[in-house]
C-alpha atoms as a PDB file:
ATOM      1  CA  MET A   1      20.049   7.488 -22.335  1.00  0.00           C
ATOM      2  CA  SER A   2      17.130   5.201 -24.707  1.00  0.00           C
ATOM      3  CA  LYS A   3      13.632   4.752 -23.494  1.00  0.00           C
ATOM      4  CA  SER A   4      14.258   0.484 -23.110  1.00  0.00           C
ATOM      5  CA  SER A   5      17.534   1.471 -20.383  1.00  0.00           C
ATOM      6  CA  ARG A   6      15.354   3.618 -18.413  1.00  0.00           C
ATOM      7  CA  GLN A   7      12.896   1.505 -17.935  1.00  0.00           C
ATOM      8  CA  ARG A   8      11.748  -0.447 -14.498  1.00  0.00           C
ATOM      9  CA  ARG A   9      13.249  -3.793 -14.451  1.00  0.00           C
ATOM     10  CA  HIS A  10      13.601  -4.391 -10.408  1.00  0.00           C
ATOM     11  CA  TYR A  11      11.192  -2.935  -8.423  1.00  0.00           C
ATOM     12  CA  LEU A  12      12.521  -3.976  -5.067  1.00  0.00           C
ATOM     13  CA  ILE A  13      15.615  -1.361  -4.820  1.00  0.00           C
ATOM     14  CA  ALA A  14      15.961  -1.031  -1.517  1.00  0.00           C
ATOM     15  CA  SER A  15      14.501  -3.942  -0.718  1.00  0.00           C
ATOM     16  CA  ARG A  16      14.888  -3.349   3.185  1.00  0.00           C
ATOM     17  CA  PHE A  17      13.196  -0.503   3.364  1.00  0.00           C
ATOM     18  CA  GLN A  18      10.405  -1.027   1.062  1.00  0.00           C
ATOM     19  CA  ILE A  19       9.753  -4.271   2.573  1.00  0.00           C
ATOM     20  CA  ARG A  20       9.555  -2.530   5.910  1.00  0.00           C
ATOM     21  CA  PHE A  21       7.378   0.394   4.630  1.00  0.00           C
ATOM     22  CA  ALA A  22       4.914  -1.680   3.145  1.00  0.00           C
ATOM     23  CA  LEU A  23       4.890  -3.883   5.835  1.00  0.00           C
ATOM     24  CA  GLN A  24       3.959  -0.908   8.142  1.00  0.00           C
ATOM     25  CA  ILE A  25       0.995  -0.080   5.941  1.00  0.00           C
ATOM     26  CA  LEU A  26      -0.229  -3.163   5.690  1.00  0.00           C
ATOM     27  CA  LEU A  27       0.081  -3.438   9.473  1.00  0.00           C
ATOM     28  CA  LEU A  28      -2.155   0.176   9.678  1.00  0.00           C
ATOM     29  CA  LEU A  29      -4.450  -1.377   6.866  1.00  0.00           C
ATOM     30  CA  LEU A  30      -4.800  -4.635   9.081  1.00  0.00           C
ATOM     31  CA  PHE A  31      -5.789  -2.926  12.191  1.00  0.00           C
ATOM     32  CA  THR A  32      -7.852  -0.590  10.224  1.00  0.00           C
ATOM     33  CA  SER A  33      -9.803  -3.509   8.893  1.00  0.00           C
ATOM     34  CA  ILE A  34     -10.125  -5.313  11.793  1.00  0.00           C
ATOM     35  CA  VAL A  35     -11.812  -2.573  13.835  1.00  0.00           C
ATOM     36  CA  ILE A  36     -14.411  -1.501  11.244  1.00  0.00           C
ATOM     37  CA  GLY A  37     -14.977  -5.659  10.506  1.00  0.00           C
ATOM     38  CA  TRP A  38     -15.373  -6.087  14.265  1.00  0.00           C
ATOM     39  CA  THR A  39     -17.827  -3.299  14.489  1.00  0.00           C
ATOM     40  CA  VAL A  40     -19.836  -3.952  11.340  1.00  0.00           C
ATOM     41  CA  TYR A  41     -19.714  -7.590  12.568  1.00  0.00           C
ATOM     42  CA  TYR A  42     -20.977  -6.721  15.910  1.00  0.00           C
ATOM     43  CA  SER A  43     -23.685  -4.485  14.781  1.00  0.00           C
ATOM     44  CA  VAL A  44     -24.575  -6.778  12.374  1.00  0.00           C
ATOM     45  CA  TRP A  45     -25.070  -9.562  14.871  1.00  0.00           C
ATOM     46  CA  SER A  46     -26.606  -7.645  17.744  1.00  0.00           C
ATOM     47  CA  ALA A  47     -29.468  -6.444  15.256  1.00  0.00           C
ATOM     48  CA  SER A  48     -30.145  -9.392  13.964  1.00  0.00           C
ATOM     49  CA  GLU A  49     -30.141 -11.114  17.499  1.00  0.00           C
ATOM     50  CA  THR A  50     -33.014  -8.275  18.473  1.00  0.00           C
ATOM     51  CA  GLN A  51     -34.878  -9.084  15.186  1.00  0.00           C
ATOM     52  CA  ILE A  52     -34.395 -13.071  16.151  1.00  0.00           C
ATOM     53  CA  GLN A  53     -35.648 -12.387  19.475  1.00  0.00           C
ATOM     54  CA  ARG A  54     -38.595 -10.661  18.624  1.00  0.00           C
ATOM     55  CA  LEU A  55     -39.551 -13.241  15.758  1.00  0.00           C
ATOM     56  CA  LEU A  56     -39.445 -15.956  18.261  1.00  0.00           C
ATOM     57  CA  VAL A  57     -41.076 -14.336  20.969  1.00  0.00           C
ATOM     58  CA  ASP A  58     -44.294 -13.581  18.090  1.00  0.00           C
ATOM     59  CA  LYS A  59     -43.774 -17.662  17.257  1.00  0.00           C
ATOM     60  CA  LYS A  60     -43.159 -16.525  13.942  1.00  0.00           C
ATOM     61  CA  ILE A  61     -40.208 -18.703  13.663  1.00  0.00           C
ATOM     62  CA  ASN A  62     -38.535 -21.742  15.483  1.00  0.00           C
ATOM     63  CA  GLN A  63     -35.933 -22.614  17.442  1.00  0.00           C
ATOM     64  CA  ALA A  64     -34.799 -24.419  14.109  1.00  0.00           C
ATOM     65  CA  ASP A  65     -35.011 -21.916  11.724  1.00  0.00           C
ATOM     66  CA  ALA A  66     -33.291 -19.263  14.468  1.00  0.00           C
ATOM     67  CA  LEU A  67     -30.484 -21.396  15.021  1.00  0.00           C
ATOM     68  CA  ARG A  68     -29.927 -21.710  11.208  1.00  0.00           C
ATOM     69  CA  PHE A  69     -29.856 -18.224  10.752  1.00  0.00           C
ATOM     70  CA  ARG A  70     -27.681 -17.502  13.781  1.00  0.00           C
ATOM     71  CA  GLN A  71     -25.030 -20.257  12.260  1.00  0.00           C
ATOM     72  CA  ALA A  72     -24.775 -18.891   8.756  1.00  0.00           C
ATOM     73  CA  LEU A  73     -24.972 -15.455   9.857  1.00  0.00           C
ATOM     74  CA  ARG A  74     -21.875 -16.199  11.684  1.00  0.00           C
ATOM     75  CA  LYS A  75     -19.898 -18.395   9.081  1.00  0.00           C
ATOM     76  CA  GLU A  76     -21.033 -16.716   5.582  1.00  0.00           C
ATOM     77  CA  PRO A  77     -19.947 -12.882   6.636  1.00  0.00           C
ATOM     78  CA  GLY A  78     -16.621 -14.141   8.048  1.00  0.00           C
ATOM     79  CA  GLU A  79     -15.690 -16.375   5.231  1.00  0.00           C
ATOM     80  CA  ARG A  80     -16.054 -13.569   2.632  1.00  0.00           C
ATOM     81  CA  THR A  81     -14.559 -10.845   4.723  1.00  0.00           C
ATOM     82  CA  LEU A  82     -11.420 -12.870   5.258  1.00  0.00           C
ATOM     83  CA  PHE A  83     -10.865 -13.595   2.122  1.00  0.00           C
ATOM     84  CA  ARG A  84     -11.401  -9.743   0.844  1.00  0.00           C
ATOM     85  CA  LEU A  85      -8.693  -8.526   3.441  1.00  0.00           C
ATOM     86  CA  LEU A  86      -6.293 -11.223   2.658  1.00  0.00           C
ATOM     87  CA  LEU A  87      -7.083 -10.378  -1.107  1.00  0.00           C
ATOM     88  CA  LEU A  88      -6.597  -6.564  -0.224  1.00  0.00           C
ATOM     89  CA  THR A  89      -3.727  -7.313   1.623  1.00  0.00           C
ATOM     90  CA  PHE A  90      -1.615  -8.484  -1.370  1.00  0.00           C
ATOM     91  CA  ILE A  91      -2.976  -5.771  -3.437  1.00  0.00           C
ATOM     92  CA  ALA A  92      -1.657  -3.174  -1.010  1.00  0.00           C
ATOM     93  CA  PHE A  93       1.479  -4.715  -0.507  1.00  0.00           C
ATOM     94  CA  VAL A  94       1.954  -4.726  -4.207  1.00  0.00           C
ATOM     95  CA  TYR A  95       1.038  -1.318  -4.090  1.00  0.00           C
ATOM     96  CA  THR A  96       3.550  -0.179  -1.561  1.00  0.00           C
ATOM     97  CA  VAL A  97       6.313  -1.613  -3.661  1.00  0.00           C
ATOM     98  CA  PHE A  98       5.246   0.175  -6.770  1.00  0.00           C
ATOM     99  CA  ALA A  99       4.643   3.397  -5.022  1.00  0.00           C
ATOM    100  CA  THR A 100       8.047   3.375  -2.863  1.00  0.00           C
ATOM    101  CA  HIS A 101       9.835   2.228  -5.998  1.00  0.00           C
ATOM    102  CA  ARG A 102       9.053   5.764  -7.552  1.00  0.00           C
ATOM    103  CA  MET A 103      10.595   7.040  -4.397  1.00  0.00           C
ATOM    104  CA  VAL A 104      13.718   5.243  -4.033  1.00  0.00           C
ATOM    105  CA  GLY A 105      14.774   4.691  -8.094  1.00  0.00           C
ATOM    106  CA  PRO A 106      15.286   8.652  -8.121  1.00  0.00           C
ATOM    107  CA  ILE A 107      16.814   8.552  -4.671  1.00  0.00           C
ATOM    108  CA  ARG A 108      19.426   6.340  -5.441  1.00  0.00           C
ATOM    109  CA  HIS A 109      19.922   7.852  -8.887  1.00  0.00           C
ATOM    110  CA  ILE A 110      20.276  11.235  -7.681  1.00  0.00           C
ATOM    111  CA  GLU A 111      23.070   9.606  -4.960  1.00  0.00           C
ATOM    112  CA  ALA A 112      24.720   8.221  -7.480  1.00  0.00           C
ATOM    113  CA  VAL A 113      25.280  11.520  -9.846  1.00  0.00           C
ATOM    114  CA  LEU A 114      26.606  13.055  -6.369  1.00  0.00           C
ATOM    115  CA  GLN A 115      29.203  10.418  -5.747  1.00  0.00           C
ATOM    116  CA  ARG A 116      30.204  10.522  -8.848  1.00  0.00           C
ATOM    117  CA  ARG A 117      30.377  13.961  -8.978  1.00  0.00           C
ATOM    118  CA  LEU A 118      32.322  14.729  -5.645  1.00  0.00           C
ATOM    119  CA  ARG A 119      35.169  12.165  -7.279  1.00  0.00           C
ATOM    120  CA  GLY A 120      35.449  14.831  -9.892  1.00  0.00           C
ATOM    121  CA  GLU A 121      33.915  12.961 -12.228  1.00  0.00           C
ATOM    122  CA  PRO A 122      32.079  14.347 -15.192  1.00  0.00           C
ATOM    123  CA  VAL A 123      28.149  14.034 -14.573  1.00  0.00           C
ATOM    124  CA  ASP A 124      25.344  14.581 -17.152  1.00  0.00           C
ATOM    125  CA  PRO A 125      21.668  16.118 -15.717  1.00  0.00           C
ATOM    126  CA  ILE A 126      19.623  14.059 -13.759  1.00  0.00           C
ATOM    127  CA  ARG A 127      16.651  12.589 -15.744  1.00  0.00           C
ATOM    128  CA  LEU A 128      13.983  10.736 -14.425  1.00  0.00           C
ATOM    129  CA  ARG A 129      11.257   8.962 -15.301  1.00  0.00           C
ATOM    130  CA  LYS A 130       7.562  10.690 -15.900  1.00  0.00           C
ATOM    131  CA  THR A 131       6.016   8.770 -12.647  1.00  0.00           C
ATOM    132  CA  ASP A 132       8.863   9.611 -10.287  1.00  0.00           C
ATOM    133  CA  GLU A 133       8.993  11.192  -7.215  1.00  0.00           C
ATOM    134  CA  PHE A 134      10.966  14.094  -6.411  1.00  0.00           C
ATOM    135  CA  LYS A 135      11.566  15.867  -9.877  1.00  0.00           C
ATOM    136  CA  GLY A 136      12.181  19.118  -7.907  1.00  0.00           C
ATOM    137  CA  LEU A 137      15.124  18.402  -6.234  1.00  0.00           C
ATOM    138  CA  ALA A 138      16.598  16.922  -9.211  1.00  0.00           C
ATOM    139  CA  GLU A 139      15.711  20.217 -10.863  1.00  0.00           C
ATOM    140  CA  MET A 140      17.612  21.732  -8.223  1.00  0.00           C
ATOM    141  CA  ILE A 141      20.474  19.856  -8.570  1.00  0.00           C
ATOM    142  CA  ASN A 142      20.883  20.224 -11.916  1.00  0.00           C
ATOM    143  CA  LYS A 143      20.996  23.793 -11.719  1.00  0.00           C
ATOM    144  CA  ALA A 144      23.307  23.763  -9.050  1.00  0.00           C
ATOM    145  CA  LEU A 145      25.649  21.157 -11.018  1.00  0.00           C
ATOM    146  CA  LEU A 146      25.449  23.739 -13.790  1.00  0.00           C
ATOM    147  CA  GLU A 147      26.289  26.646 -11.991  1.00  0.00           C
ATOM    148  CA  GLU A 148      29.209  24.967 -10.617  1.00  0.00           C
ATOM    149  CA  LYS A 149      29.853  24.182 -13.939  1.00  0.00           C
ATOM    150  CA  GLY A 150      29.862  27.509 -15.061  1.00  0.00           C
ATOM    151  CA  ARG A 151      32.243  28.434 -12.572  1.00  0.00           C
ATOM    152  CA  GLU A 152      34.454  26.108 -13.460  1.00  0.00           C
END
């Protein structure tokens, strides 16, 4: 098999599985991000409020400055966090599609080889790409097919 015919062309081989898996990972990431983001935001907000109250009591800032600071604290981190969360969500989705491709591709290839063998057709040894998963399984199947061929 030439190198060009073994290169990846379609990353969504088992699209239903790959997208479902990617969505599960994304939900986990989103939940974790929301919990961590809320915890950090609440901690910063709480600490900032305490400091603002001290400054107001000590008359080091006035009410207008305190209000501007509160508004900036509510707006700035939220927008930045949301943008970063969306960006990381997209990156995680793309990564998951690539990662599942390295699993689904070999499984589909192994299934096709075994189906041809079950129909009685001759099969070549299973060869997987460098980055594919399940190389150990492919080697065991190749050995089993070779032993079967030797008994014939």
